[in-house]
Amino acid sequence: MKLSVLASSSSGNSVYIEDDNFRCLVDVGLTGKKITENLGQIGRDIKDVDAIFVTHEHIDHIKGIGVLARKYNIPVYANKLTWDNMSKIGEIKSDLKFHFEKEDSKIFNGVVVNSFGVSHDAANPQFYTFEKDGKRVSILTDTGYISDKMVDYVKDSHTLVYESNHEENVLLSGPYPWPTKQRILSDKGHLSNTDSANYLTRIVGSNTKNVLLAHLSEQNNTKELARMAASITLKNKDIDCEVASDKTIACNDKIVIMDTDPVIPTKKYLKYKKIFFC
């Protein structure tokens, strides 16, 4: 499998995943035009996308779904409650609308896709894992905490796109209204760098090669703070890791911690034969 995080922040999120016979997007939180451009930056064409999987109805995850589905006849998968709350995307033909309920599993040309619930202030939020040939790619953002069941779904993933949303002190001292701060810090909000890093020690395993820190707040976080929290916490638990750089050696035994970006897709090759970044 190949993966690129096309965009990730509090403003817009989208992940592209492909296998030999299957190509999909998880969320389209930027405009259809921008997602199409970002796919072009990694040498891919929106016309080849076979499916869009929706995690929840917040605008930073669904902004471009309607446009792309209508223009390119791309099937869209979401659970019923999410469909009921996605009126913002406009009308989509019934033959392009599919239900994918929480804790369900479907197979797409040999790729097993599993959905699992998270704790977020949306109608029925869920994220996804993708499995083939004994390897798993998982996406887990937009949750206020990580339960044992969530850990079970994503544990020991080869590649993990993973939330590290905010630095708590920066959030608390920043300009957001107090109700917004309370929402972000709640069990139905987002993970702080510290909480994210602590949960990560329970998620990574011997098969884990890449962790992409995602959904960083542009107001309340920096890539450096998120990276530092993850790497220091893993190392304090004697988990071998390194921050991705031009000197990163492919196929070593360390977990590579990598940035994502609000508008620029990840496109470095990193580690291992079957799963890498375009």
Protein backbone atom coordinates (compact mmCIF):
# COMPACT_ATOMS: atom_id res chain seq x y z
CA MET A 1 0.00 0.00 0.00
CA LYS A 2 0.96 3.64 -0.50
CA LEU A 3 -0.20 6.57 1.59
CA SER A 4 -0.01 10.34 1.44
CA VAL A 5 -1.54 12.78 3.88
CA LEU A 6 -2.78 15.36 1.39
CA ALA A 7 -3.59 17.89 4.10
CA SER A 8 -3.96 17.85 7.86
CA SER A 9 -4.80 20.60 10.34
CA SER A 10 -7.78 22.12 12.12
CA SER A 11 -8.65 23.75 8.78
CA GLY A 12 -8.81 20.69 6.52
CA ASN A 13 -7.94 16.99 6.43
CA SER A 14 -7.58 14.34 3.72
CA VAL A 15 -5.58 11.13 3.40
CA TYR A 16 -4.94 9.25 0.15
CA ILE A 17 -4.34 5.48 0.26
CA GLU A 18 -3.74 3.15 -2.65
CA ASP A 19 -3.02 -0.46 -3.42
CA ASP A 20 -2.45 -2.08 -6.81
CA ASN A 21 -6.19 -2.32 -7.49
CA PHE A 22 -7.78 0.15 -5.06
CA ARG A 23 -7.45 3.91 -4.48
CA CYS A 24 -9.34 5.94 -1.90
CA LEU A 25 -9.56 9.12 0.09
CA VAL A 26 -10.35 9.33 3.78
CA ASP A 27 -12.16 12.66 4.15
CA VAL A 28 -12.01 15.66 1.83
CA GLY A 29 -11.65 18.64 4.14
CA LEU A 30 -10.33 21.08 1.55
CA THR A 31 -11.99 22.24 -1.65
CA GLY A 32 -12.30 19.71 -4.43
CA LYS A 33 -9.95 21.84 -6.50
CA LYS A 34 -7.24 21.86 -3.82
CA ILE A 35 -7.47 18.10 -3.23
CA THR A 36 -7.20 17.52 -6.98
CA GLU A 37 -4.11 19.76 -7.08
CA ASN A 38 -2.51 17.96 -4.12
CA LEU A 39 -3.10 14.59 -5.74
CA GLY A 40 -1.34 15.97 -8.81
CA GLN A 41 1.64 16.89 -6.64
CA ILE A 42 2.14 13.21 -5.80
CA GLY A 43 1.50 12.07 -9.36
CA ARG A 44 -2.05 10.84 -8.85
CA ASP A 45 -5.33 11.65 -10.62
CA ILE A 46 -8.67 12.20 -8.87
CA LYS A 47 -10.32 10.31 -11.75
CA ASP A 48 -8.67 7.11 -10.48
CA VAL A 49 -10.11 7.33 -6.95
CA ASP A 50 -12.48 4.43 -6.23
CA ALA A 51 -14.03 5.57 -2.94
CA ILE A 52 -14.24 8.29 -0.31
CA PHE A 53 -14.56 7.26 3.34
CA VAL A 54 -16.03 9.84 5.70
CA THR A 55 -15.06 10.01 9.38
CA HIS A 56 -17.59 12.62 10.54
CA GLU A 57 -19.52 15.66 9.36
CA HIS A 58 -17.31 18.55 10.55
CA ILE A 59 -16.48 20.89 7.70
CA ASP A 60 -12.71 20.35 7.97
CA HIS A 61 -13.39 16.76 6.90
CA ILE A 62 -16.18 17.08 4.31
CA LYS A 63 -15.74 20.41 2.54
CA GLY A 64 -14.93 19.02 -0.93
CA ILE A 65 -16.76 15.69 -0.83
CA GLY A 66 -19.91 16.76 -2.65
CA VAL A 67 -18.06 18.44 -5.51
CA LEU A 68 -15.73 15.50 -6.12
CA ALA A 69 -18.44 12.85 -5.81
CA ARG A 70 -20.71 14.65 -8.28
CA LYS A 71 -18.02 15.58 -10.78
CA TYR A 72 -16.17 12.25 -10.86
CA ASN A 73 -18.91 9.80 -9.77
CA ILE A 74 -16.95 8.64 -6.73
CA PRO A 75 -18.81 6.42 -4.25
CA VAL A 76 -18.97 7.87 -0.72
CA TYR A 77 -19.09 5.73 2.44
CA ALA A 78 -20.32 6.97 5.83
CA ASN A 79 -22.51 5.70 8.64
CA LYS A 80 -26.21 6.60 8.74
CA LEU A 81 -25.99 9.30 11.42
CA THR A 82 -23.12 10.97 9.59
CA TRP A 83 -25.10 10.91 6.33
CA ASP A 84 -28.04 12.47 8.19
CA ASN A 85 -25.81 15.38 9.24
CA MET A 86 -23.94 16.02 5.96
CA SER A 87 -26.43 18.34 4.23
CA LYS A 88 -23.60 20.85 3.69
CA ILE A 89 -22.12 18.73 0.90
CA GLY A 90 -25.24 19.09 -1.25
CA GLU A 91 -27.09 16.41 -3.15
CA ILE A 92 -25.30 13.22 -4.15
CA LYS A 93 -26.86 10.61 -6.39
CA SER A 94 -28.29 7.70 -4.44
CA ASP A 95 -26.17 5.19 -6.33
CA LEU A 96 -23.04 6.92 -4.98
CA LYS A 97 -24.18 6.88 -1.32
CA PHE A 98 -23.20 3.85 0.76
CA HIS A 99 -23.53 3.03 4.45
CA PHE A 100 -20.44 1.95 6.36
CA GLU A 101 -21.47 1.55 9.98
CA LYS A 102 -19.25 1.76 13.03
CA GLU A 103 -17.31 -1.44 13.81
CA ASP A 104 -18.12 -2.82 10.38
CA SER A 105 -15.64 -4.36 7.94
CA LYS A 106 -15.66 -4.34 4.13
CA ILE A 107 -13.28 -5.68 1.48
CA PHE A 108 -12.31 -3.60 -1.55
CA ASN A 109 -10.27 -5.52 -4.12
CA GLY A 110 -8.39 -7.38 -1.43
CA VAL A 111 -7.97 -4.44 0.98
CA VAL A 112 -9.84 -4.98 4.26
CA VAL A 113 -11.28 -1.71 5.63
CA ASN A 114 -12.42 -1.64 9.27
CA SER A 115 -14.25 1.20 10.99
CA PHE A 116 -14.12 2.01 14.69
CA GLY A 117 -15.64 4.68 16.92
CA VAL A 118 -13.90 7.63 18.54
CA SER A 119 -14.91 10.20 21.18
CA HIS A 120 -15.64 13.49 19.43
CA ASP A 121 -18.46 16.04 19.35
CA ALA A 122 -20.00 14.79 16.11
CA ALA A 123 -23.08 12.67 15.37
CA ASN A 124 -21.33 9.29 15.14
CA PRO A 125 -17.60 9.74 14.43
CA GLN A 126 -15.53 6.82 13.22
CA PHE A 127 -12.09 6.24 11.77
CA TYR A 128 -10.61 3.49 9.65
CA THR A 129 -7.89 0.88 9.33
CA PHE A 130 -6.72 -0.65 6.04
CA GLU A 131 -5.20 -4.12 5.97
CA LYS A 132 -3.52 -6.25 3.35
CA ASP A 133 -0.82 -8.93 3.38
CA GLY A 134 -0.65 -8.88 7.18
CA LYS A 135 0.09 -5.15 7.42
CA ARG A 136 -2.15 -2.41 8.72
CA VAL A 137 -2.42 1.31 7.99
CA SER A 138 -4.53 3.21 10.54
CA ILE A 139 -5.94 6.71 10.86
CA LEU A 140 -6.88 8.05 14.29
CA THR A 141 -7.53 11.73 14.89
CA ASP A 142 -10.42 13.82 16.28
CA THR A 143 -10.83 12.15 19.64
CA GLY A 144 -10.71 13.49 23.19
CA TYR A 145 -9.27 10.28 24.58
CA ILE A 146 -8.28 6.81 23.37
CA SER A 147 -10.15 3.84 24.82
CA ASP A 148 -8.87 0.29 25.10
CA LYS A 149 -11.10 -0.64 22.15
CA MET A 150 -9.54 2.08 19.97
CA VAL A 151 -6.08 0.84 20.95
CA ASP A 152 -7.06 -2.68 19.90
CA TYR A 153 -8.06 -1.47 16.42
CA VAL A 154 -4.86 0.46 15.69
CA LYS A 155 -2.27 -1.30 17.83
CA ASP A 156 0.94 -2.36 16.10
CA SER A 157 -0.04 -0.68 12.81
CA HIS A 158 2.77 -0.49 10.30
CA THR A 159 1.84 3.12 9.54
CA LEU A 160 -0.27 5.37 11.76
CA VAL A 161 -1.75 8.78 10.94
CA TYR A 162 -2.26 10.05 14.45
CA GLU A 163 -3.58 13.13 16.23
CA SER A 164 -1.36 15.51 18.18
CA ASN A 165 -3.63 18.52 18.14
CA HIS A 166 -2.49 21.10 20.65
CA GLU A 167 0.00 22.10 23.30
CA GLU A 168 -2.20 22.55 26.36
CA ASN A 169 -0.39 25.58 27.81
CA VAL A 170 -0.47 27.34 24.43
CA LEU A 171 -4.19 26.64 24.09
CA LEU A 172 -5.00 27.86 27.60
CA SER A 173 -3.04 31.10 27.19
CA GLY A 174 -4.25 31.72 23.64
CA PRO A 175 -7.05 33.84 22.15
CA TYR A 176 -9.81 31.20 21.86
CA PRO A 177 -12.99 31.86 23.90
CA TRP A 178 -13.21 29.80 27.07
CA PRO A 179 -16.07 27.58 25.79
CA THR A 180 -13.95 26.67 22.75
CA LYS A 181 -11.00 25.83 24.98
CA GLN A 182 -13.25 23.66 27.15
CA ARG A 183 -14.56 21.85 24.06
CA ILE A 184 -11.04 21.10 22.76
CA LEU A 185 -9.86 19.87 26.18
CA SER A 186 -12.94 17.72 26.82
CA ASP A 187 -13.33 13.98 26.31
CA LYS A 188 -15.12 14.80 23.05
CA GLY A 189 -12.47 17.22 21.82
CA HIS A 190 -8.90 16.66 20.67
CA LEU A 191 -5.70 15.11 22.03
CA SER A 192 -3.00 17.34 23.48
CA ASN A 193 0.61 16.62 22.58
CA THR A 194 1.18 15.11 26.02
CA ASP A 195 -1.88 12.85 25.98
CA SER A 196 -1.20 11.84 22.38
CA ALA A 197 2.37 10.84 23.19
CA ASN A 198 1.35 8.86 26.27
CA TYR A 199 -1.31 6.90 24.37
CA LEU A 200 1.18 6.32 21.56
CA THR A 201 3.38 4.25 23.86
CA ARG A 202 0.47 1.76 24.12
CA ILE A 203 -0.25 1.74 20.38
CA VAL A 204 3.12 1.21 18.72
CA GLY A 205 4.56 -2.29 18.46
CA SER A 206 7.22 -4.33 16.77
CA ASN A 207 5.55 -3.87 13.37
CA THR A 208 5.22 -0.08 13.67
CA LYS A 209 7.50 1.77 11.27
CA ASN A 210 5.93 5.20 10.65
CA VAL A 211 3.90 7.63 12.77
CA LEU A 212 2.59 10.75 11.04
CA LEU A 213 1.55 13.41 13.55
CA ALA A 214 -1.68 14.91 12.26
CA HIS A 215 -4.49 17.39 12.85
CA LEU A 216 -2.14 19.91 14.46
CA SER A 217 -3.83 23.17 15.45
CA GLU A 218 -2.32 26.08 13.57
CA GLN A 219 -3.13 28.36 16.51
CA ASN A 220 -2.19 26.15 19.44
CA ASN A 221 0.64 23.91 18.31
CA THR A 222 3.79 23.62 16.25
CA LYS A 223 5.34 20.68 14.43
CA GLU A 224 8.39 20.96 16.67
CA LEU A 225 6.35 20.72 19.90
CA ALA A 226 4.37 17.72 18.64
CA ARG A 227 7.50 15.93 17.44
CA MET A 228 9.34 16.60 20.68
CA ALA A 229 6.50 15.26 22.85
CA ALA A 230 6.17 12.07 20.82
CA SER A 231 9.88 11.31 20.50
CA ILE A 232 10.82 12.08 24.10
CA THR A 233 7.91 10.08 25.52
CA LEU A 234 8.65 7.04 23.35
CA LYS A 235 12.34 7.15 24.21
CA ASN A 236 11.53 7.44 27.93
CA LYS A 237 9.70 4.12 27.53
CA ASP A 238 12.75 2.63 25.76
CA ILE A 239 10.93 2.63 22.42
CA ASP A 240 13.45 3.29 19.67
CA CYS A 241 12.41 6.13 17.36
CA GLU A 242 13.75 8.99 15.31
CA VAL A 243 12.36 12.14 13.75
CA ALA A 244 12.27 11.92 9.95
CA SER A 245 15.01 13.83 8.17
CA ASP A 246 17.08 13.65 5.00
CA LYS A 247 19.40 11.32 6.91
CA THR A 248 16.65 8.83 7.82
CA ILE A 249 17.80 5.35 6.79
CA ALA A 250 15.16 3.22 5.11
CA CYS A 251 14.29 -0.15 6.63
CA ASN A 252 16.08 0.37 9.96
CA ASP A 253 14.46 -0.85 13.17
CA LYS A 254 13.40 2.54 14.51
CA ILE A 255 9.95 4.06 14.41
CA VAL A 256 10.04 7.16 12.22
CA ILE A 257 8.04 10.16 13.45
CA MET A 258 6.97 12.41 10.60
CA ASP A 259 5.20 15.76 10.15
CA THR A 260 2.09 16.45 8.15
CA ASP A 261 1.13 19.84 6.73
CA PRO A 262 -2.05 21.95 6.37
CA VAL A 263 -1.68 22.25 2.59
CA ILE A 264 1.34 20.27 1.35
CA PRO A 265 1.01 16.48 0.83
CA THR A 266 3.52 14.09 2.34
CA LYS A 267 5.58 12.64 -0.46
CA LYS A 268 8.79 11.22 0.95
CA TYR A 269 9.63 7.57 0.62
CA LEU A 270 9.96 6.13 4.10
CA LYS A 271 10.86 2.62 5.13
CA TYR A 272 9.64 -0.75 4.03
CA LYS A 273 8.68 -2.20 0.69
CA LYS A 274 4.92 -2.24 0.72
CA ILE A 275 3.82 0.90 2.56
CA PHE A 276 5.49 4.19 1.88
CA PHE A 277 4.71 7.81 1.15
CA CYS A 278 4.40 9.01 -2.41
